[in-house]
Protein backbone atom coordinates (compact mmCIF):
# COMPACT_ATOMS: atom_id res chain seq x y z
CA MET A 1 -6.01 -10.47 -34.87
CA THR A 2 -4.84 -8.04 -32.14
CA ALA A 3 -1.32 -8.57 -30.96
CA PRO A 4 -1.03 -10.01 -27.42
CA VAL A 5 -0.47 -7.55 -24.54
CA ILE A 6 2.16 -8.22 -21.92
CA ALA A 7 1.23 -5.98 -18.90
CA ILE A 8 3.78 -6.07 -16.07
CA GLY A 9 3.47 -4.08 -12.87
CA ILE A 10 6.68 -3.13 -11.05
CA ASP A 11 4.70 -2.50 -7.86
CA ALA A 12 5.25 0.76 -6.01
CA MET A 13 8.29 1.71 -8.10
CA SER A 14 9.34 5.23 -7.51
CA PRO A 15 9.22 7.03 -10.94
CA GLU A 16 11.97 9.39 -9.83
CA LEU A 17 14.33 6.53 -9.07
CA LEU A 18 13.35 4.58 -12.12
CA GLU A 19 14.12 7.55 -14.36
CA ARG A 20 17.35 8.27 -12.65
CA TRP A 21 18.62 4.72 -12.69
CA VAL A 22 17.68 4.20 -16.37
CA SER A 23 19.51 7.49 -17.27
CA GLU A 24 22.58 6.34 -15.32
CA GLY A 25 22.63 3.01 -17.21
CA LYS A 26 21.93 0.86 -14.27
CA LEU A 27 18.83 -0.80 -15.72
CA PRO A 28 19.74 -1.84 -19.29
CA VAL A 29 16.60 -3.71 -20.15
CA LEU A 30 14.38 -0.96 -19.03
CA ALA A 31 16.61 1.58 -20.90
CA ARG A 32 16.00 -0.29 -24.10
CA LEU A 33 12.21 -0.19 -23.46
CA PHE A 34 12.38 3.52 -22.63
CA ALA A 35 14.01 4.01 -26.02
CA LYS A 36 11.44 1.84 -27.78
CA GLY A 37 8.31 3.08 -26.17
CA THR A 38 6.40 6.09 -24.72
CA TYR A 39 6.72 6.99 -21.01
CA ALA A 40 4.62 9.03 -18.62
CA ARG A 41 4.14 9.51 -14.92
CA GLN A 42 0.63 8.31 -13.78
CA ILE A 43 -1.33 10.18 -11.02
CA ASN A 44 -3.58 8.15 -8.79
CA THR A 45 -5.95 9.00 -6.00
CA ASN A 46 -4.50 11.15 -3.22
CA LEU A 47 -7.04 9.68 -0.71
CA TYR A 48 -6.63 6.10 0.57
CA ARG A 49 -3.54 6.05 -1.57
CA VAL A 50 -2.29 2.86 -0.14
CA GLU A 51 -5.55 0.93 0.15
CA ASN A 52 -7.06 1.98 -3.20
CA SER A 53 -4.06 2.44 -5.52
CA TRP A 54 -4.53 -0.99 -7.28
CA LEU A 55 -8.26 -0.80 -7.01
CA THR A 56 -8.38 2.44 -9.07
CA PHE A 57 -6.43 0.64 -11.82
CA LEU A 58 -8.36 -2.55 -11.63
CA GLN A 59 -11.82 -0.82 -11.86
CA GLY A 60 -10.62 2.09 -14.03
CA CYS A 61 -12.33 4.74 -11.76
CA THR A 62 -11.86 6.51 -8.49
CA ILE A 63 -13.54 6.03 -5.23
CA ASP A 64 -16.25 8.58 -6.18
CA LYS A 65 -17.69 5.98 -8.50
CA SER A 66 -16.60 2.69 -6.89
CA ARG A 67 -17.48 3.59 -3.30
CA GLU A 68 -15.11 0.90 -2.17
CA TRP A 69 -12.82 2.36 0.54
CA GLY A 70 -9.90 -0.13 0.45
CA HIS A 71 -10.11 -3.60 2.05
CA GLN A 72 -11.35 -2.56 5.49
CA GLN A 73 -14.91 -2.18 6.83
CA TYR A 74 -15.95 -0.52 9.98
CA ASP A 75 -18.96 -1.91 11.91
CA ALA A 76 -20.14 1.22 13.93
CA GLY A 77 -22.55 -0.65 16.16
CA LYS A 78 -19.80 -2.88 17.47
CA TYR A 79 -16.84 -0.51 17.23
CA GLN A 80 -15.14 -3.20 15.12
CA LEU A 81 -12.78 -2.81 12.23
CA ASN A 82 -12.57 -5.82 9.77
CA GLU A 83 -9.71 -6.13 7.47
CA ASN A 84 -10.04 -8.45 4.41
CA ALA A 85 -7.23 -10.03 2.51
CA THR A 86 -8.65 -8.70 -0.79
CA TYR A 87 -10.85 -6.07 -2.32
CA ARG A 88 -14.45 -7.09 -2.38
CA PHE A 89 -15.50 -5.71 -5.74
CA ASN A 90 -18.85 -5.06 -4.37
CA THR A 91 -20.17 -2.86 -7.13
CA LEU A 92 -17.52 -2.95 -10.00
CA GLN A 93 -15.51 -5.81 -11.41
CA PRO A 94 -11.85 -5.71 -12.48
CA PHE A 95 -11.57 -4.61 -16.17
CA TYR A 96 -10.25 -7.95 -17.25
CA ALA A 97 -13.49 -9.63 -16.34
CA LEU A 98 -15.34 -7.09 -18.64
CA ALA A 99 -13.58 -8.31 -21.91
CA PRO A 100 -15.66 -11.07 -23.43
CA GLY A 101 -13.85 -13.24 -25.94
CA LYS A 102 -10.51 -12.29 -24.73
CA ARG A 103 -8.12 -14.87 -23.31
CA VAL A 104 -6.66 -13.49 -20.06
CA ALA A 105 -3.97 -14.67 -17.60
CA VAL A 106 -3.46 -12.68 -14.37
CA PHE A 107 -0.77 -13.54 -11.88
CA ASP A 108 -0.28 -12.01 -8.47
CA ILE A 109 -2.33 -8.80 -8.74
CA PRO A 110 -2.26 -7.18 -5.34
CA LEU A 111 -5.45 -7.44 -3.11
CA THR A 112 -7.26 -9.24 -5.80
CA ARG A 113 -9.65 -12.26 -5.47
CA MET A 114 -11.02 -14.45 -8.13
CA VAL A 115 -14.00 -13.02 -9.97
CA PRO A 116 -16.36 -14.57 -12.52
CA ASN A 117 -16.53 -14.10 -16.23
CA VAL A 118 -12.70 -14.17 -16.74
CA ASP A 119 -11.99 -16.24 -19.87
CA GLY A 120 -8.64 -17.66 -18.89
CA VAL A 121 -6.57 -18.24 -15.76
CA GLN A 122 -6.45 -16.40 -12.47
CA LEU A 123 -3.38 -17.06 -10.28
CA LEU A 124 -3.49 -14.92 -7.19
CA GLY A 125 -1.55 -14.85 -3.93
CA TRP A 126 1.81 -16.42 -4.73
CA GLY A 127 3.54 -13.50 -3.12
CA THR A 128 2.14 -9.90 -3.15
CA GLU A 129 3.20 -7.18 -0.73
CA VAL A 130 0.29 -6.97 1.79
CA ASN A 131 -0.21 -8.05 5.40
CA GLN A 132 -2.52 -10.88 4.25
CA ILE A 133 -2.36 -12.72 1.01
CA LEU A 134 -5.33 -14.90 -0.17
CA ARG A 135 -3.99 -17.65 -2.37
CA GLN A 136 -6.45 -18.74 -5.04
CA SER A 137 -6.39 -20.04 -8.63
CA GLN A 138 -8.58 -20.75 -11.50
CA PRO A 139 -8.39 -23.56 -12.47
CA PRO A 140 -8.08 -24.70 -8.82
CA GLY A 141 -5.08 -26.98 -9.22
CA LEU A 142 -2.87 -24.68 -11.28
CA MET A 143 -1.32 -22.75 -8.40
CA ARG A 144 -0.30 -25.92 -6.61
CA GLU A 145 1.17 -27.17 -9.93
CA LEU A 146 3.30 -24.05 -10.24
CA ILE A 147 4.44 -24.12 -6.73
CA ASP A 148 5.39 -27.78 -6.99
CA LYS A 149 7.47 -27.00 -10.05
CA HIS A 150 8.94 -23.57 -9.11
CA GLY A 151 8.58 -23.38 -5.36
CA ARG A 152 6.87 -21.13 -2.81
CA HIS A 153 7.72 -17.48 -2.39
CA PRO A 154 10.47 -17.78 0.26
CA LEU A 155 9.39 -14.76 2.23
CA TYR A 156 5.84 -15.83 3.25
CA ASP A 157 5.98 -18.31 6.15
CA THR A 158 2.83 -17.79 8.14
CA ILE A 159 -0.10 -19.71 6.71
CA THR A 160 -3.63 -19.94 7.88
CA ASN A 161 -6.54 -21.54 6.05
CA ALA A 162 -9.84 -19.80 5.07
CA ASP A 163 -13.22 -21.51 5.45
CA ASP A 164 -13.11 -22.53 1.77
CA GLY A 165 -9.65 -24.18 2.11
CA ALA A 166 -7.84 -21.42 0.43
CA GLU A 167 -4.57 -20.36 1.98
CA THR A 168 -3.94 -16.98 3.52
CA LEU A 169 -0.27 -16.04 4.00
CA SER A 170 1.68 -13.28 5.59
CA TYR A 171 5.17 -12.53 6.81
CA ARG A 172 6.64 -10.52 9.69
CA ILE A 173 8.09 -7.25 8.39
CA PRO A 174 11.62 -7.11 9.72
CA SER A 175 12.78 -4.42 12.07
CA ALA A 176 14.35 -1.39 10.18
CA TYR A 177 17.16 -1.69 12.79
CA ASP A 178 17.84 -5.43 12.43
CA TYR A 179 20.39 -5.42 9.63
CA THR A 180 21.01 -9.20 9.83
CA ARG A 181 17.41 -9.92 9.29
CA LEU A 182 17.14 -7.27 6.50
CA ALA A 183 20.03 -8.87 4.67
CA GLU A 184 18.24 -12.26 4.96
CA VAL A 185 15.11 -10.72 3.47
CA LYS A 186 17.08 -9.15 0.71
CA ALA A 187 18.37 -12.67 -0.31
CA MET A 188 14.84 -14.03 -0.21
CA LEU A 189 13.58 -11.26 -2.51
CA LEU A 190 16.33 -11.85 -4.94
CA ALA A 191 15.53 -15.55 -5.04
CA ALA A 192 11.87 -14.82 -5.32
CA ILE A 193 12.37 -12.62 -8.37
CA GLY A 194 14.04 -15.51 -10.13
CA GLN A 195 11.23 -17.90 -9.21
CA ARG A 196 8.57 -15.30 -10.23
CA THR A 197 10.20 -14.92 -13.65
CA ALA A 198 10.31 -18.69 -14.22
CA ILE A 199 6.56 -18.95 -13.26
CA LEU A 200 5.65 -16.08 -15.54
CA LYS A 201 7.50 -17.64 -18.49
CA ASP A 202 5.78 -20.97 -17.76
CA VAL A 203 2.33 -19.45 -17.80
CA MET A 204 3.00 -17.13 -20.67
CA ALA A 205 4.19 -20.03 -22.83
CA ARG A 206 1.01 -22.11 -22.28
CA GLU A 207 -0.97 -20.26 -25.01
CA ARG A 208 -1.22 -17.00 -26.88
CA TRP A 209 -3.00 -14.74 -24.48
CA ASP A 210 -4.85 -11.60 -25.37
CA LEU A 211 -3.79 -10.12 -22.05
CA PHE A 212 -0.97 -11.54 -19.85
CA MET A 213 -0.78 -9.38 -16.64
CA ALA A 214 1.41 -9.88 -13.71
CA THR A 215 3.38 -7.92 -11.07
CA TYR A 216 6.85 -7.99 -9.54
CA ALA A 217 5.87 -7.31 -5.91
CA GLU A 218 9.52 -7.38 -4.67
CA ALA A 219 10.03 -3.87 -5.74
CA HIS A 220 7.25 -2.87 -3.29
CA THR A 221 8.64 -4.72 -0.30
CA ALA A 222 12.22 -3.43 -0.95
CA GLY A 223 10.90 0.09 -1.12
CA HIS A 224 9.37 -0.14 2.17
CA ILE A 225 12.14 -1.75 4.15
CA PHE A 226 15.27 -0.78 2.27
CA TRP A 227 14.56 2.93 1.61
CA HIS A 228 17.09 4.02 4.26
CA LEU A 229 19.59 1.70 2.62
CA SER A 230 19.20 3.55 -0.65
CA GLN A 231 17.91 7.06 -0.20
CA PRO A 232 18.46 9.84 2.33
CA HIS A 233 16.44 9.32 5.50
CA LEU A 234 16.45 10.23 9.19
CA LEU A 235 17.60 6.57 9.81
CA SER A 236 20.29 6.61 7.20
CA GLN A 237 22.71 8.36 9.51
CA THR A 238 22.65 5.43 11.83
CA ARG A 239 23.51 2.83 9.14
CA PRO A 240 26.13 0.54 10.58
CA PRO A 241 29.39 -0.59 8.78
CA GLY A 242 29.08 -3.64 6.63
CA THR A 243 25.77 -2.52 4.98
CA GLN A 244 27.19 -0.68 2.11
CA GLY A 245 25.57 -0.57 -1.19
CA ASP A 246 22.13 0.36 -2.61
CA TRP A 247 19.83 -2.46 -1.48
CA MET A 248 16.63 -1.15 -3.38
CA LEU A 249 18.75 -0.84 -6.62
CA GLU A 250 19.88 -4.41 -6.32
CA ILE A 251 16.27 -5.58 -6.12
CA VAL A 252 15.22 -3.46 -9.08
CA GLN A 253 18.28 -4.58 -11.18
CA ALA A 254 17.18 -8.23 -10.50
CA ILE A 255 13.67 -7.31 -11.84
CA ASP A 256 15.31 -5.68 -14.78
CA THR A 257 17.17 -8.96 -15.52
CA GLY A 258 13.91 -10.91 -15.17
CA LEU A 259 12.11 -8.63 -17.50
CA GLY A 260 14.78 -9.28 -20.10
CA GLU A 261 14.27 -13.07 -19.81
CA LEU A 262 10.47 -12.71 -19.82
CA LEU A 263 10.21 -10.45 -22.83
CA ALA A 264 12.79 -12.60 -24.70
CA ALA A 265 10.35 -15.41 -24.40
CA ALA A 266 7.27 -13.38 -25.30
CA PRO A 267 5.65 -13.54 -28.75
CA GLN A 268 7.61 -11.41 -31.19
CA ASP A 269 4.57 -9.27 -31.96
CA ALA A 270 3.66 -8.67 -28.36
CA GLN A 271 2.76 -5.20 -27.12
CA VAL A 272 4.31 -4.40 -23.82
CA ILE A 273 3.07 -2.09 -21.06
CA LEU A 274 5.01 -1.62 -17.86
CA PHE A 275 3.48 0.35 -15.00
CA SER A 276 2.85 1.03 -11.37
CA PRO A 277 -0.35 2.79 -10.13
CA HIS A 278 1.61 4.19 -7.21
CA GLY A 279 5.23 4.98 -6.11
CA MET A 280 7.43 5.18 -3.08
CA VAL A 281 8.89 8.05 -1.13
CA GLY A 282 10.48 8.51 2.35
CA ASN A 283 7.93 7.29 4.83
CA ALA A 284 5.76 10.13 6.07
CA ILE A 285 2.68 7.99 6.86
CA ASP A 286 3.17 4.93 9.08
CA LEU A 287 4.23 6.50 12.34
CA TYR A 288 1.91 9.52 11.95
CA ALA A 289 -1.30 7.52 11.23
CA MET A 290 -0.65 4.42 13.29
CA PHE A 291 0.98 5.82 16.46
CA LEU A 292 1.23 9.56 16.80
CA LEU A 293 -2.26 10.64 15.93
CA PRO A 294 -4.01 7.74 17.84
CA GLU A 295 -2.16 8.75 20.96
CA LEU A 296 -2.90 12.47 20.60
CA LEU A 297 -6.58 11.70 20.24
CA TYR A 298 -6.62 9.39 23.26
CA ARG A 299 -5.01 12.20 25.28
CA TRP A 300 -7.52 14.64 23.93
CA SER A 301 -10.49 12.39 24.82
CA THR A 302 -9.25 11.17 28.24
CA GLY A 303 -6.75 13.62 29.61
CA LYS A 304 -4.28 10.78 30.08
CA ALA A 305 -1.27 9.41 28.22
CA ALA A 306 -1.14 5.82 27.12
CA PHE A 307 2.40 6.24 25.71
CA THR A 308 5.50 8.18 26.95
CA GLY A 309 6.62 11.43 25.38
CA GLY A 310 7.10 14.39 27.70
CA ALA A 311 6.33 18.08 27.23
CA ALA A 312 6.26 19.82 23.88
CA GLY A 313 9.21 22.00 23.13
CA GLU A 314 11.79 19.98 25.14
CA PRO A 315 15.11 19.11 23.50
CA VAL A 316 14.80 16.18 21.22
CA PRO A 317 17.26 13.26 21.61
CA ALA A 318 19.18 12.06 18.67
CA PRO A 319 17.68 9.22 16.60
CA ARG A 320 18.31 5.88 18.25
CA ALA A 321 19.73 2.93 16.40
CA ASP A 322 19.80 0.42 19.28
CA TYR A 323 16.25 -0.99 18.95
CA THR A 324 16.72 -4.75 18.93
CA ARG A 325 13.17 -6.04 18.85
CA HIS A 326 10.44 -6.05 16.23
CA TRP A 327 8.56 -2.68 15.77
CA ARG A 328 5.45 -3.94 17.48
CA GLU A 329 7.43 -4.89 20.63
CA GLU A 330 9.56 -1.75 20.77
CA VAL A 331 6.50 0.46 20.44
CA TRP A 332 4.55 -1.49 23.10
CA ALA A 333 7.49 -0.95 25.40
CA LEU A 334 6.86 2.77 25.33
CA ARG A 335 3.48 2.52 27.12
CA THR A 336 2.91 4.24 30.36
CA PRO A 337 1.58 2.41 33.50
CA HIS A 338 -1.88 3.81 32.51
CA GLY A 339 -1.54 2.52 28.94
CA ASN A 340 -0.43 -0.80 30.41
CA ASP A 341 -3.73 -1.06 32.35
CA THR A 342 -5.91 0.35 29.52
CA LEU A 343 -4.72 -0.75 26.09
CA GLU A 344 -5.31 -4.24 24.66
CA SER A 345 -1.88 -5.80 24.24
CA PRO A 346 -0.74 -6.91 20.70
CA TYR A 347 -0.16 -10.34 22.21
CA GLU A 348 -3.79 -10.75 23.11
CA GLN A 349 -4.79 -9.50 19.69
CA GLU A 350 -2.47 -11.97 18.12
CA LYS A 351 -3.95 -14.93 20.20
CA ARG A 352 -7.40 -14.10 18.70
CA GLY A 353 -6.14 -13.81 15.16
CA ASP A 354 -6.54 -10.08 14.77
CA PRO A 355 -4.56 -9.28 11.55
CA LEU A 356 -3.92 -5.78 12.93
CA ASP A 357 -2.20 -6.82 16.12
CA TRP A 358 1.01 -5.07 14.95
CA ASP A 359 -0.71 -1.65 14.57
CA PRO A 360 -0.50 0.57 17.75
CA GLY A 361 -3.69 2.33 16.67
CA ASN A 362 -5.55 -0.92 16.95
CA TRP A 363 -4.52 -1.38 20.63
CA TYR A 364 -6.99 1.44 21.60
CA ARG A 365 -9.90 -0.52 20.20
CA ASP A 366 -11.42 -1.48 23.63
CA GLN A 367 -11.41 2.21 24.52
CA TRP A 368 -13.12 3.54 21.39
CA HIS A 369 -16.62 3.39 22.98
CA LYS A 370 -15.40 5.67 25.79
CA MET A 371 -13.67 8.21 23.66
CA ARG A 372 -15.05 11.33 22.01
CA ALA A 373 -13.14 10.49 18.81
CA PHE A 374 -10.66 7.90 17.71
CA VAL A 375 -8.34 6.93 14.89
CA LEU A 376 -9.49 3.97 12.69
CA PRO A 377 -6.45 1.84 11.71
CA GLY A 378 -5.36 2.44 8.12
CA TYR A 379 -2.41 2.73 5.87
CA SER A 380 -2.69 6.27 4.47
CA GLU A 381 -4.49 9.16 6.06
CA GLY A 382 -5.30 9.68 9.64
CA LEU A 383 -8.83 8.45 9.70
CA ILE A 384 -10.68 10.08 12.58
CA ARG A 385 -14.07 8.90 13.62
CA ILE A 386 -16.11 10.84 16.07
CA ASN A 387 -18.01 8.63 18.57
CA VAL A 388 -21.63 9.78 18.00
CA ALA A 389 -24.44 8.61 20.11
CA GLY A 390 -27.05 6.78 18.21
CA ARG A 391 -24.56 6.10 15.36
CA ASP A 392 -21.58 4.52 16.96
CA GLY A 393 -22.89 3.60 20.38
CA ASP A 394 -25.15 4.84 23.23
CA GLY A 395 -22.26 6.35 25.13
CA GLY A 396 -21.01 8.71 22.28
CA VAL A 397 -21.19 12.46 22.03
CA PRO A 398 -24.49 14.07 21.14
CA PRO A 399 -25.09 14.49 17.43
CA GLU A 400 -25.54 18.19 17.73
CA SER A 401 -21.92 18.55 18.94
CA PHE A 402 -20.62 16.93 15.69
CA ASP A 403 -20.01 20.09 13.81
CA ALA A 404 -18.08 21.78 16.66
CA LEU A 405 -15.99 18.69 17.20
CA CYS A 406 -15.01 18.55 13.51
CA ASP A 407 -13.71 22.09 13.83
CA GLU A 408 -11.92 21.34 17.06
CA LEU A 409 -10.18 18.24 15.74
CA THR A 410 -9.24 19.92 12.52
CA ALA A 411 -7.58 22.67 14.45
CA LEU A 412 -5.90 19.96 16.75
CA ALA A 413 -4.44 18.15 13.77
CA LYS A 414 -3.15 21.36 12.12
CA GLN A 415 -1.12 22.12 15.31
CA ILE A 416 0.93 18.87 15.20
CA VAL A 417 4.58 19.79 14.81
CA ASP A 418 7.85 17.84 14.14
CA PRO A 419 10.10 19.16 16.94
CA ARG A 420 13.19 18.17 14.97
CA SER A 421 12.53 20.60 12.14
CA GLY A 422 9.77 22.77 13.43
CA GLU A 423 7.61 21.87 10.47
CA ARG A 424 3.99 21.02 10.70
CA LEU A 425 3.09 17.52 9.83
CA VAL A 426 -0.37 18.03 8.44
CA GLN A 427 -1.01 19.22 4.79
CA ASP A 428 -4.82 19.22 5.12
CA VAL A 429 -7.84 17.92 7.00
CA ILE A 430 -10.73 16.81 4.71
CA ARG A 431 -14.18 16.83 6.27
CA VAL A 432 -16.04 13.80 4.83
CA ARG A 433 -19.55 14.43 5.92
CA GLN A 434 -21.48 17.53 7.02
CA GLY A 435 -23.64 15.64 9.49
CA PRO A 436 -22.98 12.43 11.39
CA PHE A 437 -25.61 10.50 9.55
CA ASP A 438 -24.76 11.66 6.07
CA ASP A 439 -24.64 8.80 3.55
CA ALA A 440 -23.09 6.30 5.89
CA VAL A 441 -22.87 3.52 3.40
CA GLN A 442 -21.39 5.44 0.41
CA LEU A 443 -18.78 7.51 2.37
CA SER A 444 -15.66 6.55 4.12
CA ALA A 445 -16.09 5.44 7.72
CA ALA A 446 -13.91 8.42 8.75
CA ASP A 447 -15.50 11.72 9.54
CA LEU A 448 -12.18 13.52 8.95
CA MET A 449 -9.12 12.60 6.94
CA VAL A 450 -5.88 13.89 8.05
CA VAL A 451 -3.62 14.24 4.97
CA TRP A 452 0.07 14.15 5.93
CA ARG A 453 2.82 16.13 4.34
CA GLU A 454 5.20 13.87 2.25
CA ASP A 455 8.20 16.12 2.65
CA VAL A 456 8.61 15.72 6.44
CA GLU A 457 10.05 12.54 7.96
CA THR A 458 10.19 12.26 11.72
CA ASP A 459 9.84 9.89 14.67
CA VAL A 460 8.24 12.30 17.10
CA ALA A 461 5.44 14.90 17.24
CA ASP A 462 4.61 17.81 19.54
CA HIS A 463 1.25 19.33 20.24
CA PRO A 464 1.05 22.67 22.27
CA THR A 465 -1.60 21.32 24.75
CA LEU A 466 -1.43 17.51 24.36
CA GLY A 467 2.42 17.23 24.74
CA ARG A 468 4.93 15.15 23.00
CA VAL A 469 4.56 11.63 21.59
CA GLY A 470 7.78 9.68 20.86
CA PRO A 471 10.50 9.44 19.75
CA ALA A 472 9.52 6.02 18.47
CA PRO A 473 11.23 3.54 16.17
CA PHE A 474 10.38 3.67 12.51
CA PHE A 475 8.26 0.84 11.20
CA ARG A 476 9.07 1.11 7.51
CA THR A 477 11.36 3.78 6.05
CA GLY A 478 9.67 3.88 2.60
CA GLY A 479 6.12 5.08 2.29
CA HIS A 480 3.61 5.37 -0.56
CA SER A 481 3.26 8.14 -3.02
CA SER A 482 0.19 8.60 -5.35
CA GLU A 483 2.52 9.06 -8.29
CA GLY A 484 3.50 6.01 -10.37
CA PHE A 485 4.53 5.46 -14.02
CA VAL A 486 3.57 3.85 -17.36
CA LEU A 487 5.78 2.82 -20.27
CA MET A 488 3.95 1.71 -23.35
CA CYS A 489 5.54 -0.14 -26.30
CA GLY A 490 3.51 -1.08 -29.37
CA PRO A 491 2.06 0.14 -32.61
CA GLY A 492 1.41 3.85 -32.55
CA PHE A 493 3.57 4.70 -29.57
CA GLU A 494 6.43 6.94 -30.39
CA PRO A 495 9.88 5.61 -29.59
CA GLY A 496 11.65 7.54 -26.79
CA ALA A 497 8.74 9.91 -26.27
CA ARG A 498 7.61 11.29 -22.99
CA MET A 499 4.06 12.37 -22.27
CA GLY A 500 2.67 14.71 -19.68
CA LYS A 501 1.25 13.16 -16.52
CA VAL A 502 -1.70 10.75 -17.04
CA THR A 503 -4.29 9.30 -14.70
CA THR A 504 -4.53 5.77 -13.46
CA PRO A 505 -7.93 5.23 -15.23
CA GLN A 506 -6.36 6.26 -18.49
CA VAL A 507 -3.81 3.44 -18.02
CA THR A 508 -6.72 1.05 -17.45
CA ALA A 509 -8.30 2.24 -20.71
CA THR A 510 -5.10 1.94 -22.47
CA VAL A 511 -4.62 -1.72 -21.61
CA MET A 512 -8.07 -2.45 -22.83
CA GLN A 513 -7.51 -0.54 -26.05
CA MET A 514 -4.21 -2.46 -26.60
CA MET A 515 -5.90 -5.82 -26.11
CA GLY A 516 -8.73 -4.83 -28.57
CA ALA A 517 -11.42 -4.86 -26.00
CA ALA A 518 -14.26 -2.34 -25.70
CA VAL A 519 -13.72 0.09 -22.81
CA PRO A 520 -16.80 -0.22 -20.48
CA PRO A 521 -18.65 2.76 -19.04
CA GLN A 522 -17.17 2.25 -15.56
CA VAL A 523 -13.72 3.16 -16.82
CA ASP A 524 -13.35 6.89 -16.57
CA GLY A 525 -10.11 7.32 -18.45
CA VAL A 526 -9.59 7.87 -22.17
CA GLY A 527 -6.97 5.43 -23.59
CA LEU A 528 -3.59 6.63 -24.72
CA VAL A 529 -3.28 4.55 -27.87
CA PRO A 530 -2.69 7.02 -30.67
CA THR A 531 -5.39 7.11 -33.35
CA PRO A 532 -4.25 6.78 -36.98
């Protein structure tokens, strides 16, 4: 009989910080596991790195095979972007649904919905780090039983009900400048780690699972909102007295303690794999994709400014620390009189239940049909969609101008500069399709993907002809990286060894190998379990 596999995701854990804190003796449980197992950094997709990081792990392949571009769908005929609370799994199922005869328990895997053919329990949406959380369980009453016994996740206070009666939860991301609220969230996360550990021990003890897989989502949340309270960041210089200490480290240390309790209660012969399919770095995505680029494209399309900024090249004011409201309200306050008359307010979007009411790029939605090109709301790249007549709407640009506009927009993006450092913000611009009607179903809805540099953090952007956008407040000071980690403990893995970098599909294949399941053709990776 194959030994049970305990697979625990420490969601969005920075491998660099993990390695440093382990070497410094700040994470004793993880240090023991490092000495016991084999460690590697894992490399995930560079495109749609936020939207698809967990999908790559769950399906064991990249977007090239899955053709699932995150959890958002664009309806070109209606100029409408729909955001789902979970992945759809339209073509490929999660790997744990492809292991017949194996008893499986999954708990709180991000952006995951219940799927058929899982022999075991699926407990989803207790508290993952996403804007929307769909709460479901199989069997149906088990999540309610666990909540009654161990409590709700203390952070998620907004609840709506789906048509099938399932709960959808969210929470309001605190302002990076509201340290009182940040401290309250830290206390909630610490409490949630204790609750999560108790739930995991409860479920793990119910039977001998072939695969017991769960995540600690609190590392992800902490990385986003406490980065400047842990690591160097433009906002760190404004940190007020009374907020000393490393807030991210406190959260990860609590997870370290929880792991010690969980593994002490695990079967003695259990194999252990700890992992994250993505990491965290200083945020170089949110403001760029959600605010700076949408405004620059609006100016390019209309010749008018919806948000304030001024002329490129002017002196840049020092970073502000006096923002008192939520990010959405502070950014909305930066609109020009024209923007006030033109943009759809976040308050109107909130009234109609739009889950993206907080995203400034979403406020341009009513203007998309008038613009030559616009930015689709997203969490990673700048997703530029050219408004092509006959594809997106009757009032769009002629299809024969598509090629020239791709070139013009590529050049535009590459001219965006951080005036604080003089560095360009764009690493690359990827052209998705050669013609506007190429493979519309199989490809991303974006015609161009603007890939941002990860080594430049700023709150303002200059363009030589379109002017300055910002400064604006930061939304989240930690942002996603495509590099995660994996730590494998079990028969065949060399104690204390470190491998070269591995891919996320290899990690998927490794989990299946460890649980004694056949690796299906959809999984691209070759497992890392050593052969005798």
